[in-house]
Amino acid sequence: MKVLRRFLTNPLSAIGLLLLVGFAVIAILAPFIAPPEENQSPYRIPRDGWMSEPQAPSPEHPFGTTQGQYDIFYGVIWGTRTAFRIGITLVAVASSIGIVIGSIAAYFGGWVDEVIMRITDVFFAFPYLVAAMVVTTILGKGLDRMMFALILFGWMPTARLIRSQILVLKETAYVEAIRAIGGSHLRILFRHIMPNAIFPVIVQATMAIGFMIVLAATLSFLGLGAEPGYADWGQMISIARNWVVMPPGTPFKYWYTIVFPGVSLLLFSLSWNLVGDAFRDIYDPRLKGR
């Protein structure tokens, strides 16, 4: 309740929380808001013909259709589920890997820490987006392969963060006392150190979800993520790019092809960033007195 009150007393935090709850409701109710076609994957956007030119919003298609007559409204609604799945899965798996690697390096120290951190530095040497593009290109186009590439090069910040926290905590008096009475390494690390070191990781993970969504959308936009017709905002923006610039006199004729998925992506990423900022303000001891 205290955390919720802190959220609601900050206008930006409240906006982020409301946006996130709104997206969650849309994702949960997606089968009722935009019912999928029978015998089809719900993530496959239905088509209303094969015309290349997008069609303006209408009662039948509230957000209009894209090139190839994919229904934008359906894609935006089910794209919310895709966004949650990509963001939460990527951050959860990458953070878990980083926590394990960083914890082992910090707790045991010595040559173990040295070897693990040098391997981490090697991964850090590759530009994130470029590395993910190369791996996805090698493995082949697809949402799952794209997610694997992002996880492969996404665990290092968490490893460094948890390592820095544990390096401080493992030297505290209460940890030394537990070690003196014969506490096992696993008990000390996961029961006594980790609960006190995990909060910065939670804040970082919350803010990283928005970043991961944008990065995944970028790869889909470049043709390395979801296949055409999949309910993914980045892929929908990719379809719309041929209709962004129009002849003089009709510069915004097909605005709906880019605005609806683009605004959804923007607000979804913004909501996670605002919630992450709120968590940081709540759990950072240097900011509690403000």
C-alpha atoms as a PDB file:
ATOM      1  CA  MET A   1       0.000   0.000   0.000  1.00  0.00           C
ATOM      2  CA  LYS A   2       2.870   2.388   0.788  1.00  0.00           C
ATOM      3  CA  VAL A   3       4.412   1.784  -2.627  1.00  0.00           C
ATOM      4  CA  LEU A   4       1.046   2.333  -4.333  1.00  0.00           C
ATOM      5  CA  ARG A   5       0.558   5.629  -2.457  1.00  0.00           C
ATOM      6  CA  ARG A   6       3.999   6.797  -3.577  1.00  0.00           C
ATOM      7  CA  PHE A   7       3.034   5.918  -7.139  1.00  0.00           C
ATOM      8  CA  LEU A   8      -0.243   7.808  -7.034  1.00  0.00           C
ATOM      9  CA  THR A   9       1.134  10.937  -5.355  1.00  0.00           C
ATOM     10  CA  ASN A  10       3.550  11.502  -8.264  1.00  0.00           C
ATOM     11  CA  PRO A  11       1.640  12.631 -11.383  1.00  0.00           C
ATOM     12  CA  LEU A  12       4.116  11.127 -13.856  1.00  0.00           C
ATOM     13  CA  SER A  13       4.238   7.830 -11.968  1.00  0.00           C
ATOM     14  CA  ALA A  14       0.438   7.725 -11.857  1.00  0.00           C
ATOM     15  CA  ILE A  15       0.260   8.342 -15.604  1.00  0.00           C
ATOM     16  CA  GLY A  16       2.751   5.551 -16.255  1.00  0.00           C
ATOM     17  CA  LEU A  17       0.860   3.141 -14.002  1.00  0.00           C
ATOM     18  CA  LEU A  18      -2.484   3.987 -15.613  1.00  0.00           C
ATOM     19  CA  LEU A  19      -1.042   3.532 -19.098  1.00  0.00           C
ATOM     20  CA  LEU A  20       0.448   0.186 -18.121  1.00  0.00           C
ATOM     21  CA  VAL A  21      -2.806  -1.001 -16.543  1.00  0.00           C
ATOM     22  CA  GLY A  22      -4.662   0.138 -19.654  1.00  0.00           C
ATOM     23  CA  PHE A  23      -2.379  -1.873 -21.921  1.00  0.00           C
ATOM     24  CA  ALA A  24      -2.717  -4.880 -19.617  1.00  0.00           C
ATOM     25  CA  VAL A  25      -6.511  -4.687 -19.809  1.00  0.00           C
ATOM     26  CA  ILE A  26      -6.348  -4.474 -23.609  1.00  0.00           C
ATOM     27  CA  ALA A  27      -4.036  -7.495 -23.742  1.00  0.00           C
ATOM     28  CA  ILE A  28      -6.297  -9.546 -21.477  1.00  0.00           C
ATOM     29  CA  LEU A  29      -9.468  -8.601 -23.346  1.00  0.00           C
ATOM     30  CA  ALA A  30      -7.946  -8.869 -26.830  1.00  0.00           C
ATOM     31  CA  PRO A  31     -10.068 -11.929 -27.818  1.00  0.00           C
ATOM     32  CA  PHE A  32     -13.220  -9.927 -27.050  1.00  0.00           C
ATOM     33  CA  ILE A  33     -12.094  -6.553 -28.438  1.00  0.00           C
ATOM     34  CA  ALA A  34     -10.783  -8.044 -31.697  1.00  0.00           C
ATOM     35  CA  PRO A  35     -12.031 -11.648 -32.043  1.00  0.00           C
ATOM     36  CA  PRO A  36      -9.642 -13.813 -34.103  1.00  0.00           C
ATOM     37  CA  GLU A  37     -10.780 -15.730 -37.137  1.00  0.00           C
ATOM     38  CA  GLU A  38     -11.627 -19.401 -36.727  1.00  0.00           C
ATOM     39  CA  ASN A  39      -8.853 -21.919 -37.348  1.00  0.00           C
ATOM     40  CA  GLN A  40      -6.288 -19.115 -37.510  1.00  0.00           C
ATOM     41  CA  SER A  41      -3.545 -18.063 -35.120  1.00  0.00           C
ATOM     42  CA  PRO A  42      -4.852 -15.110 -33.097  1.00  0.00           C
ATOM     43  CA  TYR A  43      -1.592 -13.284 -33.842  1.00  0.00           C
ATOM     44  CA  ARG A  44      -2.226 -13.455 -37.586  1.00  0.00           C
ATOM     45  CA  ILE A  45      -3.782 -10.146 -38.674  1.00  0.00           C
ATOM     46  CA  PRO A  46      -6.880 -10.752 -40.838  1.00  0.00           C
ATOM     47  CA  ARG A  47      -6.923  -9.336 -44.367  1.00  0.00           C
ATOM     48  CA  ASP A  48      -9.776  -7.727 -46.262  1.00  0.00           C
ATOM     49  CA  GLY A  49      -8.562  -8.246 -49.799  1.00  0.00           C
ATOM     50  CA  TRP A  50      -5.210  -7.870 -51.551  1.00  0.00           C
ATOM     51  CA  MET A  51      -5.139  -4.244 -52.638  1.00  0.00           C
ATOM     52  CA  SER A  52      -1.757  -2.546 -52.245  1.00  0.00           C
ATOM     53  CA  GLU A  53      -3.159   0.878 -51.334  1.00  0.00           C
ATOM     54  CA  PRO A  54      -4.166   1.341 -47.649  1.00  0.00           C
ATOM     55  CA  GLN A  55      -7.802   2.135 -46.912  1.00  0.00           C
ATOM     56  CA  ALA A  56      -8.924   4.915 -44.566  1.00  0.00           C
ATOM     57  CA  PRO A  57     -10.647   4.212 -41.229  1.00  0.00           C
ATOM     58  CA  SER A  58     -14.228   3.031 -41.577  1.00  0.00           C
ATOM     59  CA  PRO A  59     -16.898   1.387 -39.385  1.00  0.00           C
ATOM     60  CA  GLU A  60     -15.638  -2.011 -40.514  1.00  0.00           C
ATOM     61  CA  HIS A  61     -11.972  -1.119 -39.912  1.00  0.00           C
ATOM     62  CA  PRO A  62     -11.827   1.593 -37.214  1.00  0.00           C
ATOM     63  CA  PHE A  63      -8.092   2.225 -37.697  1.00  0.00           C
ATOM     64  CA  GLY A  64      -8.069   1.562 -41.445  1.00  0.00           C
ATOM     65  CA  THR A  65      -6.022  -1.042 -43.302  1.00  0.00           C
ATOM     66  CA  THR A  66      -2.390  -1.208 -44.351  1.00  0.00           C
ATOM     67  CA  GLN A  67      -0.774  -2.188 -47.615  1.00  0.00           C
ATOM     68  CA  GLY A  68      -2.095  -5.657 -48.351  1.00  0.00           C
ATOM     69  CA  GLN A  69      -5.323  -4.812 -46.451  1.00  0.00           C
ATOM     70  CA  TYR A  70      -4.187  -5.929 -43.003  1.00  0.00           C
ATOM     71  CA  ASP A  71      -6.579  -4.620 -40.340  1.00  0.00           C
ATOM     72  CA  ILE A  72      -4.677  -2.034 -38.264  1.00  0.00           C
ATOM     73  CA  PHE A  73      -7.113  -2.139 -35.327  1.00  0.00           C
ATOM     74  CA  TYR A  74      -6.666  -5.896 -34.945  1.00  0.00           C
ATOM     75  CA  GLY A  75      -2.895  -5.585 -35.236  1.00  0.00           C
ATOM     76  CA  VAL A  76      -2.710  -2.854 -32.600  1.00  0.00           C
ATOM     77  CA  ILE A  77      -4.880  -4.786 -30.125  1.00  0.00           C
ATOM     78  CA  TRP A  78      -3.104  -8.131 -30.463  1.00  0.00           C
ATOM     79  CA  GLY A  79       0.216  -6.341 -30.797  1.00  0.00           C
ATOM     80  CA  THR A  80      -0.250  -5.388 -27.141  1.00  0.00           C
ATOM     81  CA  ARG A  81       0.020  -9.064 -26.202  1.00  0.00           C
ATOM     82  CA  THR A  82       3.073  -9.410 -28.420  1.00  0.00           C
ATOM     83  CA  ALA A  83       4.676  -6.399 -26.723  1.00  0.00           C
ATOM     84  CA  PHE A  84       4.104  -7.810 -23.231  1.00  0.00           C
ATOM     85  CA  ARG A  85       5.386 -11.228 -24.274  1.00  0.00           C
ATOM     86  CA  ILE A  86       8.522  -9.868 -25.918  1.00  0.00           C
ATOM     87  CA  GLY A  87       9.351  -7.292 -23.246  1.00  0.00           C
ATOM     88  CA  ILE A  88       8.745  -9.411 -20.165  1.00  0.00           C
ATOM     89  CA  THR A  89      10.325 -12.567 -21.620  1.00  0.00           C
ATOM     90  CA  LEU A  90      13.444 -10.771 -22.840  1.00  0.00           C
ATOM     91  CA  VAL A  91      14.046  -8.900 -19.611  1.00  0.00           C
ATOM     92  CA  ALA A  92      13.160 -11.837 -17.333  1.00  0.00           C
ATOM     93  CA  VAL A  93      15.513 -14.275 -19.073  1.00  0.00           C
ATOM     94  CA  ALA A  94      18.355 -11.786 -19.640  1.00  0.00           C
ATOM     95  CA  SER A  95      18.117 -10.501 -16.058  1.00  0.00           C
ATOM     96  CA  SER A  96      18.093 -14.035 -14.643  1.00  0.00           C
ATOM     97  CA  ILE A  97      21.240 -14.904 -16.584  1.00  0.00           C
ATOM     98  CA  GLY A  98      22.874 -11.676 -15.475  1.00  0.00           C
ATOM     99  CA  ILE A  99      21.942 -12.248 -11.824  1.00  0.00           C
ATOM    100  CA  VAL A 100      23.442 -15.729 -11.782  1.00  0.00           C
ATOM    101  CA  ILE A 101      26.653 -14.728 -13.564  1.00  0.00           C
ATOM    102  CA  GLY A 102      27.146 -11.491 -11.616  1.00  0.00           C
ATOM    103  CA  SER A 103      26.403 -13.162  -8.272  1.00  0.00           C
ATOM    104  CA  ILE A 104      28.936 -15.931  -8.837  1.00  0.00           C
ATOM    105  CA  ALA A 105      31.600 -13.434  -9.927  1.00  0.00           C
ATOM    106  CA  ALA A 106      31.099 -11.107  -6.954  1.00  0.00           C
ATOM    107  CA  TYR A 107      30.679 -13.679  -4.219  1.00  0.00           C
ATOM    108  CA  PHE A 108      33.635 -15.911  -5.039  1.00  0.00           C
ATOM    109  CA  GLY A 109      35.884 -13.129  -6.333  1.00  0.00           C
ATOM    110  CA  GLY A 110      39.499 -13.787  -7.287  1.00  0.00           C
ATOM    111  CA  TRP A 111      40.169 -15.531 -10.580  1.00  0.00           C
ATOM    112  CA  VAL A 112      36.470 -16.460 -10.917  1.00  0.00           C
ATOM    113  CA  ASP A 113      35.491 -12.793 -10.870  1.00  0.00           C
ATOM    114  CA  GLU A 114      38.323 -11.889 -13.228  1.00  0.00           C
ATOM    115  CA  VAL A 115      37.429 -14.498 -15.848  1.00  0.00           C
ATOM    116  CA  ILE A 116      33.689 -13.788 -15.753  1.00  0.00           C
ATOM    117  CA  MET A 117      34.136 -10.021 -15.969  1.00  0.00           C
ATOM    118  CA  ARG A 118      36.544 -10.289 -18.904  1.00  0.00           C
ATOM    119  CA  ILE A 119      33.988 -12.434 -20.750  1.00  0.00           C
ATOM    120  CA  THR A 120      31.373  -9.805 -19.905  1.00  0.00           C
ATOM    121  CA  ASP A 121      33.644  -7.100 -21.324  1.00  0.00           C
ATOM    122  CA  VAL A 122      33.974  -9.074 -24.558  1.00  0.00           C
ATOM    123  CA  PHE A 123      30.184  -9.135 -24.938  1.00  0.00           C
ATOM    124  CA  PHE A 124      30.029  -5.433 -24.066  1.00  0.00           C
ATOM    125  CA  ALA A 125      32.466  -4.671 -26.880  1.00  0.00           C
ATOM    126  CA  PHE A 126      29.825  -5.469 -29.507  1.00  0.00           C
ATOM    127  CA  PRO A 127      27.252  -2.737 -30.255  1.00  0.00           C
ATOM    128  CA  TYR A 128      23.977  -4.175 -29.015  1.00  0.00           C
ATOM    129  CA  LEU A 129      21.776  -3.540 -32.041  1.00  0.00           C
ATOM    130  CA  VAL A 130      24.465  -4.519 -34.558  1.00  0.00           C
ATOM    131  CA  ALA A 131      25.257  -7.737 -32.672  1.00  0.00           C
ATOM    132  CA  ALA A 132      21.571  -8.670 -32.467  1.00  0.00           C
ATOM    133  CA  MET A 133      21.163  -7.987 -36.197  1.00  0.00           C
ATOM    134  CA  VAL A 134      24.124 -10.199 -37.075  1.00  0.00           C
ATOM    135  CA  VAL A 135      22.976 -13.092 -34.880  1.00  0.00           C
ATOM    136  CA  THR A 136      19.399 -12.859 -36.166  1.00  0.00           C
ATOM    137  CA  THR A 137      20.643 -12.803 -39.756  1.00  0.00           C
ATOM    138  CA  ILE A 138      22.762 -15.908 -39.125  1.00  0.00           C
ATOM    139  CA  LEU A 139      19.981 -17.817 -37.345  1.00  0.00           C
ATOM    140  CA  GLY A 140      17.276 -16.705 -39.760  1.00  0.00           C
ATOM    141  CA  LYS A 141      14.327 -14.357 -39.618  1.00  0.00           C
ATOM    142  CA  GLY A 142      11.752 -14.962 -36.899  1.00  0.00           C
ATOM    143  CA  LEU A 143      10.444 -13.585 -33.638  1.00  0.00           C
ATOM    144  CA  ASP A 144      11.931 -16.356 -31.475  1.00  0.00           C
ATOM    145  CA  ARG A 145      15.358 -16.055 -33.123  1.00  0.00           C
ATOM    146  CA  MET A 146      15.280 -12.303 -32.692  1.00  0.00           C
ATOM    147  CA  MET A 147      14.469 -12.708 -28.994  1.00  0.00           C
ATOM    148  CA  PHE A 148      17.337 -15.183 -28.584  1.00  0.00           C
ATOM    149  CA  ALA A 149      19.750 -12.674 -30.132  1.00  0.00           C
ATOM    150  CA  LEU A 150      18.562  -9.881 -27.829  1.00  0.00           C
ATOM    151  CA  ILE A 151      18.908 -12.122 -24.764  1.00  0.00           C
ATOM    152  CA  LEU A 152      22.384 -13.258 -25.850  1.00  0.00           C
ATOM    153  CA  PHE A 153      23.666  -9.683 -25.734  1.00  0.00           C
ATOM    154  CA  GLY A 154      21.346  -8.321 -23.053  1.00  0.00           C
ATOM    155  CA  TRP A 155      22.468  -9.892 -19.752  1.00  0.00           C
ATOM    156  CA  MET A 156      25.669  -7.890 -19.146  1.00  0.00           C
ATOM    157  CA  PRO A 157      24.242  -4.723 -17.520  1.00  0.00           C
ATOM    158  CA  THR A 158      22.404  -6.827 -14.935  1.00  0.00           C
ATOM    159  CA  ALA A 159      25.536  -8.887 -14.253  1.00  0.00           C
ATOM    160  CA  ARG A 160      27.569  -5.758 -13.571  1.00  0.00           C
ATOM    161  CA  LEU A 161      24.864  -4.165 -11.436  1.00  0.00           C
ATOM    162  CA  ILE A 162      24.272  -7.192  -9.196  1.00  0.00           C
ATOM    163  CA  ARG A 163      28.027  -7.728  -8.919  1.00  0.00           C
ATOM    164  CA  SER A 164      28.563  -4.193  -7.619  1.00  0.00           C
ATOM    165  CA  GLN A 165      25.791  -4.660  -5.041  1.00  0.00           C
ATOM    166  CA  ILE A 166      27.092  -8.004  -3.786  1.00  0.00           C
ATOM    167  CA  LEU A 167      30.697  -6.787  -3.573  1.00  0.00           C
ATOM    168  CA  VAL A 168      29.543  -4.271  -0.967  1.00  0.00           C
ATOM    169  CA  LEU A 169      27.115  -6.520   0.909  1.00  0.00           C
ATOM    170  CA  LYS A 170      29.370  -9.560   1.245  1.00  0.00           C
ATOM    171  CA  GLU A 171      31.762  -7.550   3.431  1.00  0.00           C
ATOM    172  CA  THR A 172      29.101  -6.418   5.906  1.00  0.00           C
ATOM    173  CA  ALA A 173      29.139  -7.559   9.529  1.00  0.00           C
ATOM    174  CA  TYR A 174      26.007  -9.702   9.387  1.00  0.00           C
ATOM    175  CA  VAL A 175      27.316 -11.676   6.401  1.00  0.00           C
ATOM    176  CA  GLU A 176      30.637 -12.224   8.166  1.00  0.00           C
ATOM    177  CA  ALA A 177      28.742 -13.453  11.236  1.00  0.00           C
ATOM    178  CA  ILE A 178      26.702 -15.949   9.185  1.00  0.00           C
ATOM    179  CA  ARG A 179      29.864 -17.154   7.494  1.00  0.00           C
ATOM    180  CA  ALA A 180      31.560 -17.563  10.900  1.00  0.00           C
ATOM    181  CA  ILE A 181      28.814 -19.851  12.228  1.00  0.00           C
ATOM    182  CA  GLY A 182      29.124 -22.126   9.204  1.00  0.00           C
ATOM    183  CA  GLY A 183      26.471 -20.830   6.807  1.00  0.00           C
ATOM    184  CA  SER A 184      26.745 -22.400   3.345  1.00  0.00           C
ATOM    185  CA  HIS A 185      27.634 -20.330   0.296  1.00  0.00           C
ATOM    186  CA  LEU A 186      24.195 -20.820  -1.253  1.00  0.00           C
ATOM    187  CA  ARG A 187      22.421 -19.867   1.978  1.00  0.00           C
ATOM    188  CA  ILE A 188      24.513 -16.745   2.445  1.00  0.00           C
ATOM    189  CA  LEU A 189      24.193 -15.652  -1.171  1.00  0.00           C
ATOM    190  CA  PHE A 190      20.538 -16.319  -1.892  1.00  0.00           C
ATOM    191  CA  ARG A 191      18.955 -15.881   1.532  1.00  0.00           C
ATOM    192  CA  HIS A 192      20.971 -13.102   3.122  1.00  0.00           C
ATOM    193  CA  ILE A 193      22.697 -11.127   0.361  1.00  0.00           C
ATOM    194  CA  MET A 194      20.388 -11.370  -2.639  1.00  0.00           C
ATOM    195  CA  PRO A 195      17.232  -9.947  -0.977  1.00  0.00           C
ATOM    196  CA  ASN A 196      19.193  -6.791  -0.149  1.00  0.00           C
ATOM    197  CA  ALA A 197      20.864  -6.528  -3.555  1.00  0.00           C
ATOM    198  CA  ILE A 198      17.914  -7.195  -5.839  1.00  0.00           C
ATOM    199  CA  PHE A 199      16.017  -3.880  -5.689  1.00  0.00           C
ATOM    200  CA  PRO A 200      18.312  -1.960  -8.081  1.00  0.00           C
ATOM    201  CA  VAL A 201      18.006  -4.881 -10.494  1.00  0.00           C
ATOM    202  CA  ILE A 202      14.198  -4.683 -10.322  1.00  0.00           C
ATOM    203  CA  VAL A 203      14.330  -0.977 -11.147  1.00  0.00           C
ATOM    204  CA  GLN A 204      16.718  -1.567 -14.021  1.00  0.00           C
ATOM    205  CA  ALA A 205      14.621  -4.458 -15.363  1.00  0.00           C
ATOM    206  CA  THR A 206      11.425  -2.406 -15.257  1.00  0.00           C
ATOM    207  CA  MET A 207      12.986   0.385 -17.279  1.00  0.00           C
ATOM    208  CA  ALA A 208      14.664  -2.093 -19.641  1.00  0.00           C
ATOM    209  CA  ILE A 209      11.323  -3.526 -20.795  1.00  0.00           C
ATOM    210  CA  GLY A 210      10.449  -0.336 -22.670  1.00  0.00           C
ATOM    211  CA  PHE A 211      13.904  -0.260 -24.255  1.00  0.00           C
ATOM    212  CA  MET A 212      13.668  -3.908 -25.299  1.00  0.00           C
ATOM    213  CA  ILE A 213      10.279  -3.343 -26.924  1.00  0.00           C
ATOM    214  CA  VAL A 214      11.662  -0.476 -28.999  1.00  0.00           C
ATOM    215  CA  LEU A 215      14.728  -2.534 -29.937  1.00  0.00           C
ATOM    216  CA  ALA A 216      12.600  -5.524 -30.951  1.00  0.00           C
ATOM    217  CA  ALA A 217      10.362  -3.206 -32.983  1.00  0.00           C
ATOM    218  CA  THR A 218      13.457  -1.827 -34.708  1.00  0.00           C
ATOM    219  CA  LEU A 219      14.569  -5.309 -35.746  1.00  0.00           C
ATOM    220  CA  SER A 220      11.059  -6.110 -36.978  1.00  0.00           C
ATOM    221  CA  PHE A 221      11.049  -2.826 -38.898  1.00  0.00           C
ATOM    222  CA  LEU A 222      14.304  -3.894 -40.563  1.00  0.00           C
ATOM    223  CA  GLY A 223      12.746  -7.229 -41.544  1.00  0.00           C
ATOM    224  CA  LEU A 224      14.562  -9.390 -38.989  1.00  0.00           C
ATOM    225  CA  GLY A 225      11.742  -9.978 -36.512  1.00  0.00           C
ATOM    226  CA  ALA A 226       8.109 -10.880 -36.986  1.00  0.00           C
ATOM    227  CA  GLU A 227       6.982 -11.948 -40.422  1.00  0.00           C
ATOM    228  CA  PRO A 228       4.527  -9.769 -42.418  1.00  0.00           C
ATOM    229  CA  GLY A 229       0.997 -10.122 -41.133  1.00  0.00           C
ATOM    230  CA  TYR A 230       2.017 -10.879 -37.542  1.00  0.00           C
ATOM    231  CA  ALA A 231       0.460  -8.710 -34.838  1.00  0.00           C
ATOM    232  CA  ASP A 232       3.617  -6.796 -33.967  1.00  0.00           C
ATOM    233  CA  TRP A 233       3.858  -3.004 -33.896  1.00  0.00           C
ATOM    234  CA  GLY A 234       7.344  -2.878 -35.392  1.00  0.00           C
ATOM    235  CA  GLN A 235       6.314  -5.089 -38.291  1.00  0.00           C
ATOM    236  CA  MET A 236       3.192  -2.949 -38.866  1.00  0.00           C
ATOM    237  CA  ILE A 237       5.300   0.214 -38.995  1.00  0.00           C
ATOM    238  CA  SER A 238       7.562  -1.542 -41.494  1.00  0.00           C
ATOM    239  CA  ILE A 239       4.591  -2.177 -43.781  1.00  0.00           C
ATOM    240  CA  ALA A 240       3.551   1.476 -43.466  1.00  0.00           C
ATOM    241  CA  ARG A 241       6.926   3.005 -44.384  1.00  0.00           C
ATOM    242  CA  ASN A 242       6.113   2.995 -48.114  1.00  0.00           C
ATOM    243  CA  TRP A 243       3.174   5.313 -47.420  1.00  0.00           C
ATOM    244  CA  VAL A 244       4.732   7.843 -45.061  1.00  0.00           C
ATOM    245  CA  VAL A 245       5.828  10.299 -47.788  1.00  0.00           C
ATOM    246  CA  MET A 246       3.095  11.092 -50.283  1.00  0.00           C
ATOM    247  CA  PRO A 247       2.966  13.368 -53.355  1.00  0.00           C
ATOM    248  CA  PRO A 248       2.567  17.149 -52.804  1.00  0.00           C
ATOM    249  CA  GLY A 249      -0.950  18.091 -51.786  1.00  0.00           C
ATOM    250  CA  THR A 250      -1.628  14.880 -49.837  1.00  0.00           C
ATOM    251  CA  PRO A 251       1.276  14.606 -47.360  1.00  0.00           C
ATOM    252  CA  PHE A 252      -0.798  12.971 -44.622  1.00  0.00           C
ATOM    253  CA  LYS A 253      -3.210  10.924 -46.706  1.00  0.00           C
ATOM    254  CA  TYR A 254      -2.182   7.611 -45.111  1.00  0.00           C
ATOM    255  CA  TRP A 255      -1.369   8.942 -41.640  1.00  0.00           C
ATOM    256  CA  TYR A 256      -3.300   6.143 -39.941  1.00  0.00           C
ATOM    257  CA  THR A 257      -0.900   3.449 -41.186  1.00  0.00           C
ATOM    258  CA  ILE A 258       1.923   4.845 -39.053  1.00  0.00           C
ATOM    259  CA  VAL A 259       0.172   6.789 -36.266  1.00  0.00           C
ATOM    260  CA  PHE A 260      -1.791   3.997 -34.555  1.00  0.00           C
ATOM    261  CA  PRO A 261       1.014   1.404 -34.216  1.00  0.00           C
ATOM    262  CA  GLY A 262       3.601   4.152 -33.660  1.00  0.00           C
ATOM    263  CA  VAL A 263       1.671   5.835 -30.843  1.00  0.00           C
ATOM    264  CA  SER A 264       0.977   2.436 -29.250  1.00  0.00           C
ATOM    265  CA  LEU A 265       4.694   1.641 -29.264  1.00  0.00           C
ATOM    266  CA  LEU A 266       5.548   5.075 -27.870  1.00  0.00           C
ATOM    267  CA  LEU A 267       3.020   4.949 -25.021  1.00  0.00           C
ATOM    268  CA  PHE A 268       3.871   1.365 -24.087  1.00  0.00           C
ATOM    269  CA  SER A 269       7.581   2.149 -23.830  1.00  0.00           C
ATOM    270  CA  LEU A 270       6.846   5.403 -21.993  1.00  0.00           C
ATOM    271  CA  SER A 271       4.656   3.655 -19.424  1.00  0.00           C
ATOM    272  CA  TRP A 272       7.446   1.241 -18.449  1.00  0.00           C
ATOM    273  CA  ASN A 273       9.972   4.073 -18.224  1.00  0.00           C
ATOM    274  CA  LEU A 274       7.703   6.103 -15.952  1.00  0.00           C
ATOM    275  CA  VAL A 275       7.022   3.104 -13.724  1.00  0.00           C
ATOM    276  CA  GLY A 276      10.742   2.343 -13.606  1.00  0.00           C
ATOM    277  CA  ASP A 277      11.497   5.944 -12.589  1.00  0.00           C
ATOM    278  CA  ALA A 278       8.932   5.629  -9.819  1.00  0.00           C
ATOM    279  CA  PHE A 279      10.505   2.416  -8.510  1.00  0.00           C
ATOM    280  CA  ARG A 280      13.896   4.111  -8.530  1.00  0.00           C
ATOM    281  CA  ASP A 281      12.588   7.078  -6.539  1.00  0.00           C
ATOM    282  CA  ILE A 282      10.888   4.781  -4.019  1.00  0.00           C
ATOM    283  CA  TYR A 283      13.764   2.370  -3.414  1.00  0.00           C
ATOM    284  CA  ASP A 284      16.774   4.667  -3.812  1.00  0.00           C
ATOM    285  CA  PRO A 285      17.735   5.666  -0.265  1.00  0.00           C
ATOM    286  CA  ARG A 286      19.309   8.876  -1.525  1.00  0.00           C
ATOM    287  CA  LEU A 287      15.939  10.044  -2.841  1.00  0.00           C
ATOM    288  CA  LYS A 288      13.655   8.945   0.001  1.00  0.00           C
ATOM    289  CA  GLY A 289      14.030  12.183   1.878  1.00  0.00           C
ATOM    290  CA  ARG A 290      13.009  14.318  -1.064  1.00  0.00           C
END
